[in-house]
Each structure stands twice: as C-alpha cells, then as structure tokens.
Amino acid sequence: MADGVAFGEGPVWCGNGTLVVTSVSEGALYRVDTSAGRAARWADTQGGANGAALAADGSILVTQNGGTDFGALGMFEDPPPFRPATPGLQRVRPDASVEYLVATGCHAPNDLVVLPDGAVLFTDPGHYPPDGDGIGRILCFRPDGSVGVFADGFWFCNGIALDRAAHVVVVERQGLQRVFPDGTREWVIENLGRGAGDGFCVDADGRFYVASTVEHGVRVIDPDGHVVDFLAIDGRGLTTNCCFGGDDLHTLFATDALPGRVVAWEGLPTPGAALTPWPGCP
C-alpha cells in the first residue's frame, strides 16, 4: 500500500480511505492514503509510538514506550535520532497536538484495546528482550481517569485484543493467552511458531490474525486455537501488527516494519470484528 514508514506499528483504520500507523523508531504517526498509496508524516509523539487505537472524535490513542535507540541496535544504515519520551498513554488530537492521558508509573507500554465500557487496557511489558523478572502487566485506564492493574506477572505481554466473547487475549511468550478478570488465564494457543507473535486483530467469526515477526506474514488462528492459514509477505522483513479496514472491513492491513512498508490483503472472506472507539473526554 505504501512505503517510507520506518519500523511501522499500530495500524488503525480511520475510514474515508485513511489508515494511521505509528513509527516506533521515529516517534511519529503517519497517515496512509490507501487509494493513492502514499504515507505522509502527520504527528510527532517523540519516544517510541507503538500501538494505537481510534477515538470517537478522530483522535488516536498511542501507547508510548519511551523510545529505543535504534542506532545502537544497528537496524538502520542511517537511523533516526534517539528522542526519549516519558512512557505512558498518549492522545493525538486531529490537529496533531499530543497530550498524555497516563504519564506516570509505566515501564514501556506496547499495545492497547478499548473495552465496550470505554476503559482502555494496555500492555506494559518493559523493553524487549525481557530479563525474566515477570514485570509485564496489563494496565487499565478507566473512564474516570484512574489507572489500575488488570493483570500482572507476564514474561512479555505484547499485542492485545478482545475475542468474540469479549474476553481479553494477549500475545505472551510464544502464544496467545486468554486473561480473565479474576486473574485466571488459559492458552488459546501456546506455540504460534518460529516468529511467535506481535500485534494482532480479530475477524467477525473470532479468528485471530497474528503478525508473525521474522516469519514475515500473518498467521491465522481459529477460535479453538488451531492454525488455519498463513498470509505470507514476499521477501524478507519483520511484520509487527495488523488491522482490518476498508469500507466493508474485508481488507487486512499489516505493518512490515523492516523494510518499512504497509501491505494489504484485499477481499478476505470474513470482515474484521467491529472495534469500540474510545469515547474521549468532554
């Protein structure tokens, strides 16, 4: 669909032919005109803009991981400058101004989902790779503005979404794990394969579409935890996240972080599950 989005993540379908994606390495948001196949830098969050979700007023909620020094990692020949920011939950308004909704007490927020009641759950695993201390957790930003822990003790909780029964599901270790409000957990699938998983989304029949990182594509898992398909991307790369979009939600978009593209599969047989936009503040 477009290129030029360095280490893209967090795709969000905004309607009217527009997709918004984050750039983790640049600390920025890009708007992708899907009809023209162009991506244009739109907002500057600094740090590391990671996951994203749509708000009812057109704002974008962003999990800000605080930033990563990509120059030290050697992933780019000409890496963008390292501009650290406070880890937390940000709101990017339609005019591209940025504010914090949560600015204290976070490790390195990664991905997020909006619940039907307007609460925002976001994973806070710390930076990758994990050191084994189990600091990973899911935080809840409630409609009254308070923040609490929904679940903790994760190795590295990553992508997050709701299944067709509105249960919370996260990428944890090599698989997908369902997390219940009472703290109990169960595996949807314990081993996703060599690439494990990063961000993911869900279709209207409850299948999970999981970005499979170094396997360079999207793995499809049925509600019972069986692998039913793999949507490959040509060449080599690193697939980080995906979402449904298009006017009928039958297009799957994915961020191909390396080499920095946004790709799409059109005409999927099942549309994406409807998402709850964040209601925002008065």
Protein backbone atom coordinates (compact mmCIF):
# COMPACT_ATOMS: atom_id res chain seq x y z
CA MET A 1 0.00 0.00 0.00
CA ALA A 2 2.80 2.43 0.88
CA ASP A 3 6.40 2.61 1.97
CA GLY A 4 8.63 5.03 3.88
CA VAL A 5 7.28 4.25 7.37
CA ALA A 6 10.35 3.33 9.41
CA PHE A 7 9.63 0.47 11.81
CA GLY A 8 5.87 0.83 11.46
CA GLU A 9 3.41 -0.45 14.07
CA GLY A 10 -0.11 0.13 15.37
CA PRO A 11 -2.24 0.32 12.18
CA VAL A 12 -5.68 1.90 12.71
CA TRP A 13 -8.43 2.14 10.10
CA CYS A 14 -9.98 5.63 10.32
CA GLY A 15 -12.48 5.45 7.45
CA ASN A 16 -12.58 7.55 4.28
CA GLY A 17 -9.71 5.59 2.80
CA THR A 18 -7.32 6.55 5.58
CA LEU A 19 -5.10 4.35 7.68
CA VAL A 20 -2.97 5.70 10.53
CA VAL A 21 0.21 3.86 11.51
CA THR A 22 2.87 4.58 14.10
CA SER A 23 6.62 4.73 13.56
CA VAL A 24 8.36 3.27 16.59
CA SER A 25 11.82 4.42 15.52
CA GLU A 26 10.79 7.98 14.62
CA GLY A 27 8.30 8.58 17.43
CA ALA A 28 5.71 9.70 14.90
CA LEU A 29 2.35 8.92 13.32
CA TYR A 30 1.76 8.61 9.58
CA ARG A 31 -1.44 8.91 7.60
CA VAL A 32 -1.72 6.46 4.70
CA ASP A 33 -3.94 7.40 1.78
CA THR A 34 -4.90 3.88 0.68
CA SER A 35 -6.32 4.97 -2.67
CA ALA A 36 -3.18 6.88 -3.64
CA GLY A 37 -0.74 4.52 -1.93
CA ARG A 38 1.07 7.31 -0.11
CA ALA A 39 2.16 7.73 3.51
CA ALA A 40 2.69 11.19 4.98
CA ARG A 41 4.08 12.05 8.40
CA TRP A 42 1.27 13.56 10.46
CA ALA A 43 2.12 13.88 14.17
CA ASP A 44 5.23 13.86 16.36
CA THR A 45 4.99 11.93 19.63
CA GLN A 46 8.75 11.63 20.26
CA GLY A 47 9.95 8.49 22.03
CA GLY A 48 8.54 5.29 20.57
CA ALA A 49 4.96 5.43 19.32
CA ASN A 50 3.86 1.78 19.43
CA GLY A 51 0.24 0.59 19.46
CA ALA A 52 -2.68 2.81 18.50
CA ALA A 53 -6.49 2.94 18.71
CA LEU A 54 -9.17 5.24 17.33
CA ALA A 55 -11.19 7.70 19.40
CA ALA A 56 -14.71 8.82 18.53
CA ASP A 57 -13.60 12.39 17.80
CA GLY A 58 -10.90 11.28 15.36
CA SER A 59 -8.10 11.38 17.90
CA ILE A 60 -5.65 8.47 18.09
CA LEU A 61 -4.63 6.88 21.39
CA VAL A 62 -0.98 5.80 21.39
CA THR A 63 0.98 3.54 23.70
CA GLN A 64 4.24 5.42 24.13
CA ASN A 65 7.07 3.02 25.02
CA GLY A 66 9.55 5.79 25.83
CA GLY A 67 11.80 5.22 22.85
CA THR A 68 14.52 2.86 21.68
CA ASP A 69 17.98 3.79 20.45
CA PHE A 70 17.83 2.11 17.06
CA GLY A 71 21.29 3.41 16.22
CA ALA A 72 22.73 1.25 18.99
CA LEU A 73 20.81 -1.76 17.67
CA GLY A 74 22.33 -1.47 14.20
CA MET A 75 18.98 -1.98 12.44
CA PHE A 76 19.28 1.02 10.09
CA GLU A 77 22.13 2.29 7.93
CA ASP A 78 21.01 5.83 8.75
CA PRO A 79 18.98 5.54 11.97
CA PRO A 80 16.65 8.32 13.10
CA PRO A 81 17.80 10.30 16.14
CA PHE A 82 17.01 8.84 19.55
CA ARG A 83 14.49 11.14 21.24
CA PRO A 84 13.38 9.53 24.51
CA ALA A 85 10.00 10.41 25.97
CA THR A 86 8.05 9.60 29.11
CA PRO A 87 6.50 6.13 28.81
CA GLY A 88 2.72 6.25 29.04
CA LEU A 89 -0.56 6.57 27.16
CA GLN A 90 -0.86 9.50 24.74
CA ARG A 91 -3.68 11.11 22.83
CA VAL A 92 -3.00 12.63 19.42
CA ARG A 93 -5.80 15.02 18.51
CA PRO A 94 -6.99 15.62 14.93
CA ASP A 95 -4.86 18.80 14.80
CA ALA A 96 -1.78 16.61 15.54
CA SER A 97 -1.27 18.03 19.05
CA VAL A 98 -0.14 15.44 21.60
CA GLU A 99 -1.08 15.10 25.26
CA TYR A 100 -0.62 12.45 27.92
CA LEU A 101 -3.55 10.57 29.44
CA VAL A 102 -1.20 8.47 31.60
CA ALA A 103 2.28 9.86 32.26
CA THR A 104 3.50 8.13 35.41
CA GLY A 105 4.19 4.61 36.62
CA CYS A 106 4.69 2.86 33.26
CA HIS A 107 7.51 0.60 32.09
CA ALA A 108 7.19 0.68 28.29
CA PRO A 109 3.57 0.47 27.04
CA ASN A 110 3.21 -1.67 23.93
CA ASP A 111 -0.34 -2.20 22.62
CA LEU A 112 -3.92 -1.40 23.61
CA VAL A 113 -7.61 -2.19 23.22
CA VAL A 114 -10.74 -0.20 24.08
CA LEU A 115 -13.38 -2.05 26.10
CA PRO A 116 -17.12 -1.61 25.46
CA ASP A 117 -17.42 0.50 28.64
CA GLY A 118 -14.76 2.93 27.42
CA ALA A 119 -11.90 1.69 29.56
CA VAL A 120 -8.55 1.25 27.82
CA LEU A 121 -6.43 -1.81 28.53
CA PHE A 122 -2.79 -1.56 27.53
CA THR A 123 0.11 -3.95 27.84
CA ASP A 124 3.14 -2.67 29.75
CA PRO A 125 5.86 -5.33 29.43
CA GLY A 126 9.01 -3.24 29.59
CA HIS A 127 11.52 -3.13 26.75
CA TYR A 128 12.46 -6.16 24.67
CA PRO A 129 14.16 -8.51 25.34
CA PRO A 130 12.63 -9.29 28.74
CA ASP A 131 15.02 -10.06 31.60
CA GLY A 132 12.83 -12.76 33.16
CA ASP A 133 11.71 -10.79 36.18
CA GLY A 134 8.00 -11.01 35.31
CA ILE A 135 7.33 -7.27 35.35
CA GLY A 136 4.95 -7.48 32.39
CA ARG A 137 1.40 -6.38 33.15
CA ILE A 138 -1.83 -5.13 31.66
CA LEU A 139 -2.87 -1.70 32.90
CA CYS A 140 -6.38 -0.23 32.78
CA PHE A 141 -7.08 3.44 32.09
CA ARG A 142 -10.63 3.83 33.37
CA PRO A 143 -13.27 6.30 32.15
CA ASP A 144 -12.90 8.31 35.38
CA GLY A 145 -9.21 8.87 34.59
CA SER A 146 -7.81 6.47 37.17
CA VAL A 147 -5.27 3.78 36.35
CA GLY A 148 -5.05 0.28 37.82
CA VAL A 149 -3.55 -3.14 37.17
CA PHE A 150 -5.80 -5.55 35.29
CA ALA A 151 -3.31 -8.45 35.39
CA ASP A 152 0.41 -8.84 36.07
CA GLY A 153 3.26 -11.35 36.26
CA PHE A 154 3.73 -11.69 32.49
CA TRP A 155 7.02 -12.62 30.81
CA PHE A 156 6.38 -10.17 27.94
CA CYS A 157 2.73 -9.37 27.20
CA ASN A 158 2.58 -7.78 23.77
CA GLY A 159 -0.40 -7.46 21.41
CA ILE A 160 -3.86 -7.29 22.96
CA ALA A 161 -7.43 -7.64 21.63
CA LEU A 162 -10.86 -8.98 22.59
CA ASP A 163 -12.14 -12.35 21.40
CA ARG A 164 -15.71 -12.88 20.18
CA ALA A 165 -16.90 -13.38 23.80
CA ALA A 166 -15.24 -10.05 24.77
CA HIS A 167 -12.52 -11.82 26.78
CA VAL A 168 -9.09 -10.22 26.84
CA VAL A 169 -6.43 -12.05 24.79
CA VAL A 170 -2.73 -11.15 24.73
CA VAL A 171 0.40 -12.34 23.00
CA GLU A 172 2.53 -13.87 25.79
CA ARG A 173 5.78 -15.79 25.28
CA GLN A 174 5.25 -17.90 22.12
CA GLY A 175 1.46 -17.97 22.11
CA LEU A 176 -1.92 -16.34 22.64
CA GLN A 177 -3.26 -16.29 26.19
CA ARG A 178 -6.79 -15.50 27.36
CA VAL A 179 -6.86 -13.41 30.55
CA PHE A 180 -9.94 -13.31 32.78
CA PRO A 181 -10.88 -10.53 35.24
CA ASP A 182 -10.36 -12.86 38.23
CA GLY A 183 -6.72 -13.30 37.25
CA THR A 184 -7.00 -16.81 35.79
CA ARG A 185 -5.56 -17.50 32.34
CA GLU A 186 -5.73 -20.12 29.64
CA TRP A 187 -3.89 -20.67 26.39
CA VAL A 188 -5.73 -20.09 23.14
CA ILE A 189 -2.58 -21.49 21.51
CA GLU A 190 0.71 -21.96 23.35
CA ASN A 191 3.06 -22.03 20.37
CA LEU A 192 2.49 -19.81 17.34
CA GLY A 193 5.64 -20.98 15.57
CA ARG A 194 9.11 -19.61 14.97
CA GLY A 195 8.07 -15.99 14.68
CA ALA A 196 5.75 -16.16 17.71
CA GLY A 197 3.53 -13.06 17.62
CA ASP A 198 3.48 -9.29 17.96
CA GLY A 199 0.28 -7.32 17.36
CA PHE A 200 -2.93 -8.99 16.22
CA CYS A 201 -6.56 -8.43 15.32
CA VAL A 202 -9.77 -10.49 15.21
CA ASP A 203 -12.36 -11.13 12.50
CA ALA A 204 -16.13 -11.29 12.92
CA ASP A 205 -16.03 -15.09 13.31
CA GLY A 206 -13.46 -14.93 16.09
CA ARG A 207 -10.30 -15.87 14.18
CA PHE A 208 -7.05 -14.27 15.32
CA TYR A 209 -4.72 -12.68 12.75
CA VAL A 210 -1.29 -12.53 14.36
CA ALA A 211 1.70 -10.62 12.97
CA SER A 212 4.44 -13.25 12.88
CA THR A 213 7.57 -11.03 13.04
CA VAL A 214 10.55 -12.77 11.37
CA GLU A 215 8.34 -15.29 9.58
CA HIS A 216 7.21 -12.26 7.57
CA GLY A 217 3.46 -12.57 7.40
CA VAL A 218 0.27 -13.03 9.36
CA ARG A 219 -0.75 -16.32 10.94
CA VAL A 220 -4.49 -17.06 11.21
CA ILE A 221 -5.74 -18.95 14.28
CA ASP A 222 -9.31 -20.22 14.68
CA PRO A 223 -11.22 -19.61 17.96
CA ASP A 224 -10.28 -23.09 19.17
CA GLY A 225 -6.57 -22.38 18.81
CA HIS A 226 -5.79 -24.17 15.55
CA VAL A 227 -3.61 -22.65 12.85
CA VAL A 228 -5.76 -22.42 9.72
CA ASP A 229 -3.75 -20.19 7.37
CA PHE A 230 -0.59 -18.16 6.89
CA LEU A 231 -0.66 -14.96 4.83
CA ALA A 232 2.91 -14.56 3.62
CA ILE A 233 4.64 -11.36 2.53
CA ASP A 234 7.18 -11.71 -0.28
CA GLY A 235 10.85 -11.29 0.55
CA ARG A 236 12.41 -10.77 3.93
CA GLY A 237 11.12 -8.46 6.64
CA LEU A 238 9.64 -8.05 10.10
CA THR A 239 5.85 -7.98 10.44
CA THR A 240 4.72 -6.16 13.58
CA ASN A 241 0.95 -5.61 13.63
CA CYS A 242 -2.26 -5.73 11.59
CA CYS A 243 -5.84 -4.46 11.48
CA PHE A 244 -8.95 -4.76 9.35
CA GLY A 245 -10.17 -1.85 7.28
CA GLY A 246 -11.72 -0.76 4.04
CA ASP A 247 -15.33 0.32 3.71
CA ASP A 248 -16.57 -3.23 4.31
CA LEU A 249 -13.75 -4.31 6.70
CA HIS A 250 -12.72 -7.06 4.26
CA THR A 251 -9.16 -5.73 3.84
CA LEU A 252 -6.36 -6.73 6.19
CA PHE A 253 -3.56 -4.18 6.60
CA ALA A 254 -0.19 -5.03 8.14
CA THR A 255 2.86 -3.03 9.10
CA ASP A 256 6.01 -4.51 7.60
CA ALA A 257 8.44 -2.75 9.93
CA LEU A 258 11.53 -3.78 8.02
CA PRO A 259 11.85 -2.61 5.26
CA GLY A 260 9.22 -0.03 6.29
CA ARG A 261 6.08 -0.76 4.29
CA VAL A 262 2.35 -1.06 4.80
CA VAL A 263 0.87 -4.05 2.96
CA ALA A 264 -2.71 -5.22 2.43
CA TRP A 265 -4.72 -8.30 1.53
CA GLU A 266 -7.99 -7.32 -0.12
CA GLY A 267 -11.19 -9.31 -0.36
CA LEU A 268 -10.85 -11.50 2.69
CA PRO A 269 -13.96 -13.70 3.06
CA THR A 270 -14.77 -12.61 6.63
CA PRO A 271 -14.80 -8.97 7.77
CA GLY A 272 -12.97 -7.71 10.80
CA ALA A 273 -14.72 -7.56 14.15
CA ALA A 274 -16.17 -4.15 14.98
CA LEU A 275 -13.99 -2.15 17.39
CA THR A 276 -15.11 0.24 20.11
CA PRO A 277 -13.71 3.75 19.61
CA TRP A 278 -12.54 5.48 22.76
CA PRO A 279 -15.21 7.96 23.82
CA GLY A 280 -12.75 10.66 24.74
CA CYS A 281 -13.20 13.41 27.26
CA PRO A 282 -15.64 16.33 27.35
